[in-house]
Amino acid sequence: ALVGDAGTHQDPWSGSGMDTAARQAEALGSAMTADASSWNSTYAQARDDVTLQRFHSTVTAATDLSVLLG
């Protein structure tokens, strides 16, 4: 299982990297303890739920980093 930058690379200007890694690690732990036989698909969905909104915001902001200043 990949968490943090190993799963999604985010521009450091957004400051989301460490938070994303912690959220994904928590999602992984929850998925593994909830259902050890199908944790992979459960984790994939949980990872996307805690990551994609911030990831897309980071990608959008990366084209013009001045939006992060304001």
N, C-alpha and C. Protein backbone atom coordinates (compact mmCIF):
# COMPACT_ATOMS: atom_id res chain seq x y z
N ALA A 1 0.85 -1.18 0.00
CA ALA A 1 0.00 0.00 0.00
C ALA A 1 0.89 1.24 0.00
N LEU A 2 0.49 2.23 -0.77
CA LEU A 2 1.24 3.47 -0.84
C LEU A 2 0.49 4.57 -0.11
N VAL A 3 1.23 5.37 0.66
CA VAL A 3 0.63 6.52 1.32
C VAL A 3 1.49 7.75 1.05
N GLY A 4 0.87 8.91 1.12
CA GLY A 4 1.60 10.16 0.94
C GLY A 4 2.10 10.34 -0.48
N ASP A 5 3.30 10.91 -0.62
CA ASP A 5 3.86 11.19 -1.94
C ASP A 5 4.08 9.93 -2.77
N ALA A 6 4.17 8.79 -2.14
CA ALA A 6 4.31 7.56 -2.90
C ALA A 6 3.04 7.27 -3.71
N GLY A 7 1.91 7.74 -3.23
CA GLY A 7 0.65 7.52 -3.93
C GLY A 7 0.24 8.67 -4.82
N THR A 8 0.48 9.90 -4.37
CA THR A 8 0.16 11.09 -5.15
C THR A 8 1.21 12.15 -4.86
N HIS A 9 1.83 12.64 -5.89
CA HIS A 9 2.82 13.69 -5.70
C HIS A 9 2.11 15.04 -5.71
N GLN A 10 2.36 15.86 -4.70
CA GLN A 10 1.72 17.16 -4.62
C GLN A 10 2.77 18.25 -4.51
N ASP A 11 2.51 19.35 -5.16
CA ASP A 11 3.40 20.50 -5.10
C ASP A 11 3.57 20.93 -3.65
N PRO A 12 4.79 21.13 -3.19
CA PRO A 12 5.00 21.49 -1.78
C PRO A 12 4.43 22.85 -1.40
N TRP A 13 4.15 23.70 -2.36
CA TRP A 13 3.61 25.02 -2.03
C TRP A 13 2.24 24.95 -1.39
N SER A 14 1.48 23.92 -1.65
CA SER A 14 0.14 23.83 -1.07
C SER A 14 0.18 23.41 0.39
N GLY A 15 1.29 22.81 0.82
CA GLY A 15 1.39 22.36 2.20
C GLY A 15 0.52 21.16 2.52
N SER A 16 0.05 20.45 1.52
CA SER A 16 -0.87 19.33 1.75
C SER A 16 -0.17 17.98 1.89
N GLY A 17 1.11 17.89 1.56
CA GLY A 17 1.78 16.60 1.52
C GLY A 17 1.77 15.82 2.82
N MET A 18 2.22 16.42 3.90
CA MET A 18 2.28 15.70 5.18
C MET A 18 0.87 15.39 5.70
N ASP A 19 -0.05 16.32 5.52
CA ASP A 19 -1.43 16.09 5.93
C ASP A 19 -2.04 14.94 5.14
N THR A 20 -1.77 14.92 3.84
CA THR A 20 -2.28 13.85 3.00
C THR A 20 -1.71 12.50 3.43
N ALA A 21 -0.43 12.44 3.73
CA ALA A 21 0.19 11.19 4.17
C ALA A 21 -0.47 10.69 5.46
N ALA A 22 -0.73 11.59 6.39
CA ALA A 22 -1.37 11.19 7.65
C ALA A 22 -2.79 10.71 7.41
N ARG A 23 -3.53 11.41 6.58
CA ARG A 23 -4.91 11.00 6.27
C ARG A 23 -4.93 9.64 5.58
N GLN A 24 -4.00 9.43 4.64
CA GLN A 24 -3.95 8.15 3.94
C GLN A 24 -3.52 7.01 4.86
N ALA A 25 -2.57 7.27 5.75
CA ALA A 25 -2.14 6.24 6.70
C ALA A 25 -3.29 5.85 7.62
N GLU A 26 -4.06 6.84 8.05
CA GLU A 26 -5.22 6.55 8.89
C GLU A 26 -6.25 5.72 8.13
N ALA A 27 -6.48 6.08 6.85
CA ALA A 27 -7.42 5.33 6.02
C ALA A 27 -6.94 3.89 5.82
N LEU A 28 -5.63 3.71 5.64
CA LEU A 28 -5.07 2.36 5.47
C LEU A 28 -5.29 1.53 6.73
N GLY A 29 -4.98 2.10 7.87
CA GLY A 29 -5.18 1.38 9.13
C GLY A 29 -6.62 0.98 9.34
N SER A 30 -7.53 1.89 9.06
CA SER A 30 -8.96 1.60 9.21
C SER A 30 -9.42 0.51 8.25
N ALA A 31 -8.95 0.58 7.01
CA ALA A 31 -9.34 -0.43 6.02
C ALA A 31 -8.82 -1.81 6.40
N MET A 32 -7.59 -1.87 6.89
CA MET A 32 -7.00 -3.17 7.23
C MET A 32 -7.66 -3.79 8.46
N THR A 33 -8.05 -2.97 9.41
CA THR A 33 -8.67 -3.53 10.61
C THR A 33 -10.15 -3.82 10.42
N ALA A 34 -10.80 -3.13 9.47
CA ALA A 34 -12.22 -3.35 9.23
C ALA A 34 -12.48 -4.66 8.49
N ASP A 35 -11.65 -4.97 7.50
CA ASP A 35 -11.86 -6.17 6.70
C ASP A 35 -10.54 -6.59 6.07
N ALA A 36 -9.85 -7.47 6.74
CA ALA A 36 -8.51 -7.88 6.30
C ALA A 36 -8.52 -8.58 4.94
N SER A 37 -9.62 -9.16 4.54
CA SER A 37 -9.65 -9.88 3.27
C SER A 37 -9.84 -8.97 2.06
N SER A 38 -10.45 -7.82 2.24
CA SER A 38 -10.66 -6.92 1.09
C SER A 38 -10.17 -5.51 1.38
N TRP A 39 -9.13 -5.40 2.18
CA TRP A 39 -8.64 -4.08 2.58
C TRP A 39 -8.17 -3.25 1.40
N ASN A 40 -7.67 -3.90 0.34
CA ASN A 40 -7.10 -3.17 -0.79
C ASN A 40 -8.15 -2.28 -1.48
N SER A 41 -9.29 -2.83 -1.82
CA SER A 41 -10.32 -2.03 -2.48
C SER A 41 -10.93 -1.02 -1.52
N THR A 42 -11.07 -1.40 -0.26
CA THR A 42 -11.58 -0.47 0.74
C THR A 42 -10.63 0.69 0.92
N TYR A 43 -9.34 0.39 0.98
CA TYR A 43 -8.34 1.45 1.13
C TYR A 43 -8.29 2.35 -0.09
N ALA A 44 -8.36 1.77 -1.29
CA ALA A 44 -8.31 2.57 -2.51
C ALA A 44 -9.41 3.63 -2.51
N GLN A 45 -10.61 3.24 -2.11
CA GLN A 45 -11.72 4.20 -2.08
C GLN A 45 -11.51 5.23 -0.97
N ALA A 46 -11.10 4.78 0.21
CA ALA A 46 -10.87 5.70 1.33
C ALA A 46 -9.74 6.67 1.02
N ARG A 47 -8.67 6.18 0.38
CA ARG A 47 -7.55 7.03 -0.01
C ARG A 47 -8.01 8.13 -0.96
N ASP A 48 -8.80 7.75 -1.95
CA ASP A 48 -9.32 8.74 -2.90
C ASP A 48 -10.21 9.76 -2.19
N ASP A 49 -11.02 9.29 -1.25
CA ASP A 49 -11.92 10.19 -0.52
C ASP A 49 -11.16 11.25 0.27
N VAL A 50 -10.03 10.89 0.87
CA VAL A 50 -9.28 11.85 1.69
C VAL A 50 -8.21 12.61 0.92
N THR A 51 -8.03 12.30 -0.36
CA THR A 51 -6.93 12.88 -1.12
C THR A 51 -7.35 13.74 -2.31
N LEU A 52 -8.28 13.27 -3.10
CA LEU A 52 -8.49 13.85 -4.43
C LEU A 52 -8.90 15.31 -4.45
N GLN A 53 -9.73 15.75 -3.51
CA GLN A 53 -10.14 17.15 -3.53
C GLN A 53 -8.93 18.07 -3.36
N ARG A 54 -8.08 17.78 -2.38
CA ARG A 54 -6.88 18.59 -2.17
C ARG A 54 -5.88 18.42 -3.31
N PHE A 55 -5.78 17.22 -3.84
CA PHE A 55 -4.87 16.97 -4.95
C PHE A 55 -5.27 17.82 -6.16
N HIS A 56 -6.56 17.82 -6.50
CA HIS A 56 -7.01 18.60 -7.64
C HIS A 56 -6.84 20.10 -7.39
N SER A 57 -7.04 20.55 -6.16
CA SER A 57 -6.80 21.96 -5.83
C SER A 57 -5.33 22.31 -6.01
N THR A 58 -4.44 21.41 -5.60
CA THR A 58 -3.01 21.64 -5.74
C THR A 58 -2.61 21.71 -7.21
N VAL A 59 -3.12 20.77 -8.00
CA VAL A 59 -2.80 20.75 -9.42
C VAL A 59 -3.31 22.02 -10.10
N THR A 60 -4.49 22.45 -9.74
CA THR A 60 -5.05 23.67 -10.32
C THR A 60 -4.23 24.88 -9.92
N ALA A 61 -3.84 24.97 -8.66
CA ALA A 61 -3.06 26.11 -8.17
C ALA A 61 -1.64 26.11 -8.73
N ALA A 62 -1.12 24.96 -9.08
CA ALA A 62 0.26 24.86 -9.55
C ALA A 62 0.49 25.63 -10.85
N THR A 63 -0.56 25.85 -11.61
CA THR A 63 -0.39 26.61 -12.86
C THR A 63 -0.15 28.09 -12.59
N ASP A 64 -0.59 28.57 -11.43
CA ASP A 64 -0.39 29.98 -11.04
C ASP A 64 -0.24 30.03 -9.53
N LEU A 65 0.98 29.90 -9.05
CA LEU A 65 1.20 29.83 -7.60
C LEU A 65 0.85 31.12 -6.87
N SER A 66 0.57 32.19 -7.58
CA SER A 66 0.18 33.43 -6.91
C SER A 66 -1.15 33.29 -6.16
N VAL A 67 -2.00 32.31 -6.56
CA VAL A 67 -3.26 32.12 -5.84
C VAL A 67 -3.03 31.61 -4.42
N LEU A 68 -1.89 31.03 -4.16
CA LEU A 68 -1.58 30.55 -2.82
C LEU A 68 -1.19 31.69 -1.88
N LEU A 69 -0.89 32.83 -2.42
CA LEU A 69 -0.49 33.97 -1.61
C LEU A 69 -1.67 34.79 -1.12
N GLY A 70 -2.79 34.63 -1.76
CA GLY A 70 -3.85 35.54 -1.52
C GLY A 70 -5.01 35.20 -0.76
